[in-house]
Amino acid sequence: MDAVFKTETAIFNFRVAGIWIEGHVLLHRDKNDEHWSLPGGRVALLEKSQVSIEREFLEELGVAIQIDRLVWVGENFFKYGGNDYHEVGFYYLVSSNDQSLFQEGPFNGLEGERLIYQWTPIDEIKNVELYPRHLRTGLYHLPKLTDHFVEKQYIL
């Protein structure tokens, strides 16, 4: 069971995301959306966040990853699909010895056409509709110690 809690006024979501940078950064989006995010997913109840990010990469891409460190803890407040969200996100720096995903252009993962993945040059991130917006500048200079950000601006 995912750590998503719905009330009459909002939805709370606990999410993990992987920052995988190899000169390019791996992004994904739902096929019905125009905005991008870092790949990852929801943390399951009673699951460690590190286990969640490893599970998500295996489920969605069939790739085993190594976790370097926790880069950000983010609090995101946004509207999506007509719902107000309060999301807590853990953003981990990850890597993999599996080079099979390094390719040009968009591609799909193991879940079929639902999610679209793409390696985006790091120097182009500021021009991408990437959420949370903090990532558009933050990915250029990853903090050396875990940092915290709060974002309330975006509405999808």
Protein backbone atom coordinates (compact mmCIF):
# COMPACT_ATOMS: atom_id res chain seq x y z
CA MET A 1 0.00 0.00 0.00
CA ASP A 2 1.41 3.36 -1.07
CA ALA A 3 1.81 6.22 1.40
CA VAL A 4 -1.02 8.29 -0.06
CA PHE A 5 -3.69 9.68 2.22
CA LYS A 6 -6.82 11.37 0.89
CA THR A 7 -9.02 13.76 2.84
CA GLU A 8 -11.98 15.86 1.76
CA THR A 9 -9.69 18.81 1.05
CA ALA A 10 -6.34 17.41 -0.12
CA ILE A 11 -4.11 14.42 -0.84
CA PHE A 12 -0.88 13.70 1.03
CA ASN A 13 1.80 11.85 -0.90
CA PHE A 14 5.21 10.50 0.19
CA ARG A 15 7.43 10.16 -2.89
CA VAL A 16 11.00 9.20 -3.70
CA ALA A 17 12.87 10.27 -6.81
CA GLY A 18 16.22 9.40 -8.34
CA ILE A 19 18.71 11.97 -9.59
CA TRP A 20 20.65 10.01 -12.22
CA ILE A 21 23.17 12.25 -13.95
CA GLU A 22 25.55 11.06 -16.67
CA GLY A 23 26.17 14.39 -18.44
CA HIS A 24 22.44 14.18 -19.03
CA VAL A 25 19.77 13.70 -16.38
CA LEU A 26 17.07 11.04 -16.65
CA LEU A 27 13.54 12.52 -16.63
CA HIS A 28 10.12 11.03 -17.09
CA ARG A 29 6.55 12.12 -17.65
CA ASP A 30 3.12 10.59 -18.01
CA LYS A 31 2.14 10.26 -21.66
CA ASN A 32 -0.84 12.56 -21.00
CA ASP A 33 1.19 15.33 -19.34
CA GLU A 34 3.44 18.03 -20.74
CA HIS A 35 5.59 18.43 -17.60
CA TRP A 36 8.54 16.29 -16.55
CA SER A 37 9.80 15.00 -13.20
CA LEU A 38 12.60 12.85 -11.89
CA PRO A 39 11.82 9.11 -12.04
CA GLY A 40 10.62 7.48 -8.87
CA GLY A 41 7.33 6.83 -7.16
CA ARG A 42 5.45 6.48 -3.96
CA VAL A 43 6.87 4.99 -0.83
CA ALA A 44 4.90 1.98 0.39
CA LEU A 45 3.75 1.96 3.99
CA LEU A 46 6.37 0.41 6.29
CA GLU A 47 8.99 0.57 3.51
CA LYS A 48 12.30 2.43 3.87
CA SER A 49 12.63 5.23 1.34
CA GLN A 50 15.93 3.77 0.03
CA VAL A 51 14.18 0.47 -0.65
CA SER A 52 11.38 2.35 -2.40
CA ILE A 53 13.67 4.10 -4.87
CA GLU A 54 15.47 0.84 -5.67
CA ARG A 55 12.10 -0.90 -6.16
CA GLU A 56 10.75 1.85 -8.39
CA PHE A 57 13.74 1.72 -10.75
CA LEU A 58 13.47 -2.08 -10.95
CA GLU A 59 9.70 -2.03 -11.55
CA GLU A 60 9.67 0.81 -14.05
CA LEU A 61 12.98 0.35 -15.88
CA GLY A 62 14.35 -3.08 -14.95
CA VAL A 63 17.54 -1.46 -13.67
CA ALA A 64 19.35 -2.06 -10.38
CA ILE A 65 20.65 1.22 -8.98
CA GLN A 66 23.16 2.24 -6.36
CA ILE A 67 22.21 5.04 -3.98
CA ASP A 68 24.92 7.59 -3.39
CA ARG A 69 23.18 9.91 -0.93
CA LEU A 70 20.05 11.86 -0.05
CA VAL A 71 20.32 15.25 -1.78
CA TRP A 72 17.03 16.96 -0.96
CA VAL A 73 13.97 16.65 1.18
CA GLY A 74 11.25 18.63 -0.56
CA GLU A 75 7.83 19.76 0.52
CA ASN A 76 5.67 20.38 -2.52
CA PHE A 77 2.22 21.94 -2.51
CA PHE A 78 0.43 21.82 -5.84
CA LYS A 79 -2.81 21.23 -7.69
CA TYR A 80 -3.01 18.31 -10.12
CA GLY A 81 -6.04 16.74 -11.74
CA GLY A 82 -8.31 19.07 -9.79
CA ASN A 83 -6.88 17.96 -6.44
CA ASP A 84 -4.72 19.83 -3.94
CA TYR A 85 -1.57 17.90 -3.01
CA HIS A 86 0.85 18.06 -0.13
CA GLU A 87 3.82 15.96 -1.13
CA VAL A 88 6.96 15.14 0.82
CA GLY A 89 9.72 14.00 -1.52
CA PHE A 90 13.11 12.43 -0.88
CA TYR A 91 15.51 13.03 -3.78
CA TYR A 92 18.40 10.55 -3.95
CA LEU A 93 21.51 10.75 -6.11
CA VAL A 94 21.66 7.38 -7.88
CA SER A 95 23.72 5.57 -10.48
CA SER A 96 23.86 2.17 -12.15
CA ASN A 97 26.37 -0.12 -13.81
CA ASP A 98 23.65 -0.98 -16.33
CA GLN A 99 24.26 1.17 -19.41
CA SER A 100 21.31 -0.22 -21.42
CA LEU A 101 19.13 2.86 -20.84
CA PHE A 102 21.61 5.35 -22.30
CA GLN A 103 20.00 6.31 -25.58
CA GLU A 104 18.93 9.38 -27.49
CA GLY A 105 15.31 10.38 -27.70
CA PRO A 106 12.29 9.31 -25.68
CA PHE A 107 11.73 5.71 -24.64
CA ASN A 108 9.28 3.68 -22.58
CA GLY A 109 9.93 1.55 -19.53
CA LEU A 110 8.62 -1.84 -18.48
CA GLU A 111 5.13 -0.49 -17.79
CA GLY A 112 4.54 0.11 -21.49
CA GLU A 113 3.56 3.46 -22.95
CA ARG A 114 2.22 5.04 -19.73
CA LEU A 115 5.53 6.73 -18.86
CA ILE A 116 7.95 8.38 -21.26
CA TYR A 117 11.62 8.64 -20.27
CA GLN A 118 14.31 10.82 -21.75
CA TRP A 119 17.92 11.73 -21.04
CA THR A 120 18.07 15.52 -21.08
CA PRO A 121 21.36 17.43 -21.30
CA ILE A 122 22.03 18.96 -17.90
CA ASP A 123 22.67 22.38 -19.47
CA GLU A 124 19.12 22.36 -20.95
CA ILE A 125 17.28 21.61 -17.69
CA LYS A 126 16.48 25.28 -17.03
CA ASN A 127 14.35 25.28 -20.23
CA VAL A 128 12.40 22.12 -19.42
CA GLU A 129 8.96 22.17 -17.80
CA LEU A 130 10.34 20.22 -14.84
CA TYR A 131 8.61 19.98 -11.45
CA PRO A 132 9.23 20.78 -8.71
CA ARG A 133 10.64 23.98 -10.20
CA HIS A 134 13.46 23.94 -7.66
CA LEU A 135 15.08 21.20 -9.77
CA ARG A 136 15.45 23.52 -12.78
CA THR A 137 18.26 25.35 -11.00
CA GLY A 138 19.15 22.88 -8.25
CA LEU A 139 20.35 20.16 -10.62
CA TYR A 140 23.16 22.43 -11.81
CA HIS A 141 24.77 22.58 -8.36
CA LEU A 142 23.84 19.67 -6.12
CA PRO A 143 24.37 20.55 -2.46
CA LYS A 144 27.16 18.70 -0.67
CA LEU A 145 24.91 18.11 2.35
CA THR A 146 21.24 17.16 2.36
CA ASP A 147 19.15 20.28 1.81
CA HIS A 148 15.48 21.09 2.33
CA PHE A 149 13.20 23.05 0.02
CA VAL A 150 9.55 24.09 0.12
CA GLU A 151 7.65 24.89 -3.04
CA LYS A 152 4.11 26.23 -3.20
CA GLN A 153 4.08 27.93 -6.58
CA TYR A 154 3.18 25.43 -9.21
CA ILE A 155 -0.20 24.35 -10.48
CA LEU A 156 -0.40 21.56 -13.03
